[in-house]
């Protein structure tokens, strides 16, 4: 609960509302109920729960998309995620916290869009910065000899490289 109190949810909610609400109010003022019906009914809830134009896909759809979209760097994603999961944190390891944020950003975003019924390749764009930053941090740690997991994950990189390259 301490973490929840420190997260400043009230202030974050106010900032969120200050950024988002004016646009929604302006759109409603211009187009009224027709806009809100299409925006919420078709574009938000329709895409999430029914699929637009019958677009469907499985987990494999987005695995292919992120693989091709982040080629060739995607081959380092399993190693970066495993290194983060296996690393023992110090009592106040701010780097570990930042890496965990990047991993959560990528994993939660990926899981969310896998859940959404409408599948478009560009939906995964928001996860790329988090995953790319996590991979870059791991590669930096490897180059500076702060991480010692290269030998465990290096064998996987050529296999993933071939799989993604063929795709």
C-alpha atoms as a PDB file:
ATOM      1  CA  UNK A   1       0.000   0.000   0.000  1.00  0.00           C
ATOM      2  CA  UNK A   2       2.971   2.292   0.536  1.00  0.00           C
ATOM      3  CA  UNK A   3       3.795   2.012  -3.156  1.00  0.00           C
ATOM      4  CA  UNK A   4       0.216   2.889  -4.091  1.00  0.00           C
ATOM      5  CA  UNK A   5       0.314   5.971  -1.837  1.00  0.00           C
ATOM      6  CA  UNK A   6       3.656   7.044  -3.308  1.00  0.00           C
ATOM      7  CA  UNK A   7       2.361   6.630  -6.870  1.00  0.00           C
ATOM      8  CA  UNK A   8       0.433   9.908  -6.570  1.00  0.00           C
ATOM      9  CA  UNK A   9      -2.662   8.483  -8.200  1.00  0.00           C
ATOM     10  CA  UNK A  10      -4.765  11.567  -7.427  1.00  0.00           C
ATOM     11  CA  UNK A  11      -2.335  13.923  -9.148  1.00  0.00           C
ATOM     12  CA  UNK A  12      -1.856  11.486 -12.022  1.00  0.00           C
ATOM     13  CA  UNK A  13      -5.610  11.245 -12.499  1.00  0.00           C
ATOM     14  CA  UNK A  14      -5.889  15.027 -12.599  1.00  0.00           C
ATOM     15  CA  UNK A  15      -3.122  15.296 -15.196  1.00  0.00           C
ATOM     16  CA  UNK A  16      -4.750  12.514 -17.231  1.00  0.00           C
ATOM     17  CA  UNK A  17      -8.105  14.298 -17.165  1.00  0.00           C
ATOM     18  CA  UNK A  18      -6.519  17.668 -17.986  1.00  0.00           C
ATOM     19  CA  UNK A  19      -4.896  16.149 -21.070  1.00  0.00           C
ATOM     20  CA  UNK A  20      -7.744  13.930 -22.305  1.00  0.00           C
ATOM     21  CA  UNK A  21     -11.027  15.612 -21.424  1.00  0.00           C
ATOM     22  CA  UNK A  22     -10.679  18.843 -23.496  1.00  0.00           C
ATOM     23  CA  UNK A  23     -10.365  16.928 -26.774  1.00  0.00           C
ATOM     24  CA  UNK A  24     -13.322  14.695 -25.970  1.00  0.00           C
ATOM     25  CA  UNK A  25     -15.453  17.686 -24.978  1.00  0.00           C
ATOM     26  CA  UNK A  26     -14.479  19.570 -28.141  1.00  0.00           C
ATOM     27  CA  UNK A  27     -15.354  16.602 -30.351  1.00  0.00           C
ATOM     28  CA  UNK A  28     -18.679  16.147 -28.590  1.00  0.00           C
ATOM     29  CA  UNK A  29     -19.402  19.873 -28.935  1.00  0.00           C
ATOM     30  CA  UNK A  30     -18.781  19.716 -32.690  1.00  0.00           C
ATOM     31  CA  UNK A  31     -20.480  16.422 -33.614  1.00  0.00           C
ATOM     32  CA  UNK A  32     -22.601  15.529 -30.593  1.00  0.00           C
ATOM     33  CA  UNK A  33     -24.149  12.147 -30.032  1.00  0.00           C
ATOM     34  CA  UNK A  34     -23.203  10.801 -33.475  1.00  0.00           C
ATOM     35  CA  UNK A  35     -19.516  11.203 -32.613  1.00  0.00           C
ATOM     36  CA  UNK A  36     -19.826   9.694 -29.155  1.00  0.00           C
ATOM     37  CA  UNK A  37     -21.777   6.692 -30.499  1.00  0.00           C
ATOM     38  CA  UNK A  38     -19.179   5.985 -33.166  1.00  0.00           C
ATOM     39  CA  UNK A  39     -16.178   6.739 -30.953  1.00  0.00           C
ATOM     40  CA  UNK A  40     -17.231   4.657 -27.967  1.00  0.00           C
ATOM     41  CA  UNK A  41     -19.429   2.071 -29.681  1.00  0.00           C
ATOM     42  CA  UNK A  42     -17.329   1.313 -32.757  1.00  0.00           C
ATOM     43  CA  UNK A  43     -13.773   2.460 -32.160  1.00  0.00           C
ATOM     44  CA  UNK A  44     -13.295   1.676 -28.472  1.00  0.00           C
ATOM     45  CA  UNK A  45     -15.663  -1.084 -27.388  1.00  0.00           C
ATOM     46  CA  UNK A  46     -16.396  -2.502 -30.823  1.00  0.00           C
ATOM     47  CA  UNK A  47     -12.736  -2.980 -31.685  1.00  0.00           C
ATOM     48  CA  UNK A  48     -11.980  -4.379 -28.252  1.00  0.00           C
ATOM     49  CA  UNK A  49     -14.780  -6.914 -27.913  1.00  0.00           C
ATOM     50  CA  UNK A  50     -16.230  -7.656 -31.356  1.00  0.00           C
ATOM     51  CA  UNK A  51     -13.581  -6.892 -33.937  1.00  0.00           C
ATOM     52  CA  UNK A  52     -13.923  -4.412 -36.762  1.00  0.00           C
ATOM     53  CA  UNK A  53     -14.383  -5.807 -40.277  1.00  0.00           C
ATOM     54  CA  UNK A  54     -13.986  -9.303 -38.896  1.00  0.00           C
ATOM     55  CA  UNK A  55     -10.295  -8.836 -38.114  1.00  0.00           C
ATOM     56  CA  UNK A  56      -9.128 -11.589 -35.817  1.00  0.00           C
ATOM     57  CA  UNK A  57      -5.807 -13.011 -34.826  1.00  0.00           C
ATOM     58  CA  UNK A  58      -4.032 -15.086 -32.267  1.00  0.00           C
ATOM     59  CA  UNK A  59      -1.009 -14.502 -30.080  1.00  0.00           C
ATOM     60  CA  UNK A  60       1.079 -15.609 -33.046  1.00  0.00           C
ATOM     61  CA  UNK A  61      -0.170 -12.626 -35.093  1.00  0.00           C
ATOM     62  CA  UNK A  62       1.469 -10.100 -32.783  1.00  0.00           C
ATOM     63  CA  UNK A  63       4.551 -12.232 -32.178  1.00  0.00           C
ATOM     64  CA  UNK A  64       5.164 -12.048 -35.919  1.00  0.00           C
ATOM     65  CA  UNK A  65       4.440  -8.328 -36.021  1.00  0.00           C
ATOM     66  CA  UNK A  66       6.778  -7.394 -33.174  1.00  0.00           C
ATOM     67  CA  UNK A  67       9.431  -9.758 -34.533  1.00  0.00           C
ATOM     68  CA  UNK A  68       9.423  -8.209 -37.980  1.00  0.00           C
ATOM     69  CA  UNK A  69       8.880  -4.691 -36.661  1.00  0.00           C
ATOM     70  CA  UNK A  70      11.879  -4.812 -34.313  1.00  0.00           C
ATOM     71  CA  UNK A  71      14.116  -6.886 -36.568  1.00  0.00           C
ATOM     72  CA  UNK A  72      17.000  -7.581 -35.896  1.00  0.00           C
ATOM     73  CA  UNK A  73      16.931  -6.333 -32.291  1.00  0.00           C
ATOM     74  CA  UNK A  74      14.061  -8.602 -31.265  1.00  0.00           C
ATOM     75  CA  UNK A  75      16.517 -11.502 -31.017  1.00  0.00           C
ATOM     76  CA  UNK A  76      17.797  -9.982 -27.772  1.00  0.00           C
ATOM     77  CA  UNK A  77      14.374  -9.624 -26.120  1.00  0.00           C
ATOM     78  CA  UNK A  78      14.325 -13.076 -24.437  1.00  0.00           C
ATOM     79  CA  UNK A  79      17.791 -12.494 -22.992  1.00  0.00           C
ATOM     80  CA  UNK A  80      16.914  -9.016 -21.743  1.00  0.00           C
ATOM     81  CA  UNK A  81      13.695 -10.212 -20.122  1.00  0.00           C
ATOM     82  CA  UNK A  82      15.370 -13.264 -18.581  1.00  0.00           C
ATOM     83  CA  UNK A  83      18.293 -11.206 -17.280  1.00  0.00           C
ATOM     84  CA  UNK A  84      15.866  -8.836 -15.597  1.00  0.00           C
ATOM     85  CA  UNK A  85      13.868 -11.673 -14.071  1.00  0.00           C
ATOM     86  CA  UNK A  86      16.994 -13.464 -12.796  1.00  0.00           C
ATOM     87  CA  UNK A  87      18.846 -10.412 -11.473  1.00  0.00           C
ATOM     88  CA  UNK A  88      18.951 -10.028  -7.707  1.00  0.00           C
ATOM     89  CA  UNK A  89      18.022  -6.480  -6.775  1.00  0.00           C
ATOM     90  CA  UNK A  90      19.749  -4.406  -4.135  1.00  0.00           C
ATOM     91  CA  UNK A  91      17.533  -2.874  -1.464  1.00  0.00           C
ATOM     92  CA  UNK A  92      16.991   0.303  -3.503  1.00  0.00           C
ATOM     93  CA  UNK A  93      18.050  -0.560  -7.021  1.00  0.00           C
ATOM     94  CA  UNK A  94      16.713   2.285  -9.173  1.00  0.00           C
ATOM     95  CA  UNK A  95      18.075   0.688 -12.360  1.00  0.00           C
ATOM     96  CA  UNK A  96      16.146  -2.503 -11.643  1.00  0.00           C
ATOM     97  CA  UNK A  97      13.012  -0.444 -11.053  1.00  0.00           C
ATOM     98  CA  UNK A  98      13.466   1.343 -14.374  1.00  0.00           C
ATOM     99  CA  UNK A  99      14.084  -1.945 -16.187  1.00  0.00           C
ATOM    100  CA  UNK A 100      11.003  -3.435 -14.526  1.00  0.00           C
ATOM    101  CA  UNK A 101       8.957  -0.444 -15.704  1.00  0.00           C
ATOM    102  CA  UNK A 102      10.210  -0.953 -19.270  1.00  0.00           C
ATOM    103  CA  UNK A 103       9.424  -4.681 -19.136  1.00  0.00           C
ATOM    104  CA  UNK A 104       5.938  -4.065 -17.710  1.00  0.00           C
ATOM    105  CA  UNK A 105       5.340  -1.413 -20.363  1.00  0.00           C
ATOM    106  CA  UNK A 106       6.141  -3.921 -23.116  1.00  0.00           C
ATOM    107  CA  UNK A 107       4.511  -7.007 -21.596  1.00  0.00           C
ATOM    108  CA  UNK A 108       1.284  -5.345 -20.448  1.00  0.00           C
ATOM    109  CA  UNK A 109       0.932  -3.520 -23.760  1.00  0.00           C
ATOM    110  CA  UNK A 110       1.504  -6.725 -25.699  1.00  0.00           C
ATOM    111  CA  UNK A 111      -0.979  -8.636 -23.545  1.00  0.00           C
ATOM    112  CA  UNK A 112      -3.574  -5.869 -23.854  1.00  0.00           C
ATOM    113  CA  UNK A 113      -3.475  -5.804 -27.637  1.00  0.00           C
ATOM    114  CA  UNK A 114      -3.529  -9.594 -27.800  1.00  0.00           C
ATOM    115  CA  UNK A 115      -6.796  -9.400 -25.829  1.00  0.00           C
ATOM    116  CA  UNK A 116      -8.344  -6.783 -28.118  1.00  0.00           C
ATOM    117  CA  UNK A 117     -10.311  -8.563 -30.852  1.00  0.00           C
ATOM    118  CA  UNK A 118      -9.359  -6.215 -33.700  1.00  0.00           C
ATOM    119  CA  UNK A 119      -5.844  -6.916 -34.906  1.00  0.00           C
ATOM    120  CA  UNK A 120      -3.833  -4.323 -36.791  1.00  0.00           C
ATOM    121  CA  UNK A 121      -0.053  -4.456 -37.007  1.00  0.00           C
ATOM    122  CA  UNK A 122       0.339  -0.823 -35.940  1.00  0.00           C
ATOM    123  CA  UNK A 123      -1.431  -1.442 -32.623  1.00  0.00           C
ATOM    124  CA  UNK A 124       1.853  -2.754 -31.199  1.00  0.00           C
ATOM    125  CA  UNK A 125       3.746   0.469 -31.829  1.00  0.00           C
ATOM    126  CA  UNK A 126       3.298   1.675 -28.207  1.00  0.00           C
ATOM    127  CA  UNK A 127       5.214  -1.315 -26.812  1.00  0.00           C
ATOM    128  CA  UNK A 128       8.292  -0.759 -28.974  1.00  0.00           C
ATOM    129  CA  UNK A 129       9.937   2.020 -26.894  1.00  0.00           C
ATOM    130  CA  UNK A 130       9.690   0.026 -23.649  1.00  0.00           C
ATOM    131  CA  UNK A 131      11.027  -3.167 -25.211  1.00  0.00           C
ATOM    132  CA  UNK A 132      13.724  -1.332 -27.177  1.00  0.00           C
ATOM    133  CA  UNK A 133      14.933   0.500 -24.064  1.00  0.00           C
ATOM    134  CA  UNK A 134      15.024  -2.752 -22.081  1.00  0.00           C
ATOM    135  CA  UNK A 135      17.046  -4.467 -24.822  1.00  0.00           C
ATOM    136  CA  UNK A 136      19.397  -1.479 -25.105  1.00  0.00           C
ATOM    137  CA  UNK A 137      19.985  -1.448 -21.343  1.00  0.00           C
ATOM    138  CA  UNK A 138      20.749  -5.164 -21.329  1.00  0.00           C
ATOM    139  CA  UNK A 139      23.159  -4.843 -24.278  1.00  0.00           C
ATOM    140  CA  UNK A 140      24.848  -1.912 -22.540  1.00  0.00           C
ATOM    141  CA  UNK A 141      25.247  -4.018 -19.395  1.00  0.00           C
ATOM    142  CA  UNK A 142      26.743  -6.822 -21.477  1.00  0.00           C
ATOM    143  CA  UNK A 143      29.207  -4.500 -23.205  1.00  0.00           C
ATOM    144  CA  UNK A 144      30.295  -2.980 -19.898  1.00  0.00           C
ATOM    145  CA  UNK A 145      30.502  -6.435 -18.267  1.00  0.00           C
ATOM    146  CA  UNK A 146      27.783  -5.587 -15.725  1.00  0.00           C
ATOM    147  CA  UNK A 147      25.704  -8.550 -16.870  1.00  0.00           C
ATOM    148  CA  UNK A 148      26.912 -12.099 -17.229  1.00  0.00           C
ATOM    149  CA  UNK A 149      24.028 -13.768 -19.001  1.00  0.00           C
ATOM    150  CA  UNK A 150      25.379 -13.541 -22.538  1.00  0.00           C
ATOM    151  CA  UNK A 151      26.631 -17.093 -22.622  1.00  0.00           C
ATOM    152  CA  UNK A 152      23.212 -18.416 -21.572  1.00  0.00           C
ATOM    153  CA  UNK A 153      21.220 -16.532 -24.196  1.00  0.00           C
ATOM    154  CA  UNK A 154      23.621 -16.133 -27.088  1.00  0.00           C
ATOM    155  CA  UNK A 155      22.698 -19.512 -28.565  1.00  0.00           C
ATOM    156  CA  UNK A 156      19.066 -18.415 -28.834  1.00  0.00           C
ATOM    157  CA  UNK A 157      19.805 -15.247 -30.818  1.00  0.00           C
ATOM    158  CA  UNK A 158      20.824 -16.962 -34.107  1.00  0.00           C
ATOM    159  CA  UNK A 159      17.768 -19.232 -33.927  1.00  0.00           C
ATOM    160  CA  UNK A 160      15.454 -16.245 -33.445  1.00  0.00           C
ATOM    161  CA  UNK A 161      17.303 -14.275 -36.096  1.00  0.00           C
ATOM    162  CA  UNK A 162      16.719 -17.023 -38.643  1.00  0.00           C
ATOM    163  CA  UNK A 163      13.081 -17.502 -37.656  1.00  0.00           C
ATOM    164  CA  UNK A 164      12.295 -13.788 -37.873  1.00  0.00           C
ATOM    165  CA  UNK A 165      14.386 -13.251 -41.021  1.00  0.00           C
ATOM    166  CA  UNK A 166      12.605 -16.067 -42.854  1.00  0.00           C
ATOM    167  CA  UNK A 167       9.286 -14.531 -41.826  1.00  0.00           C
END
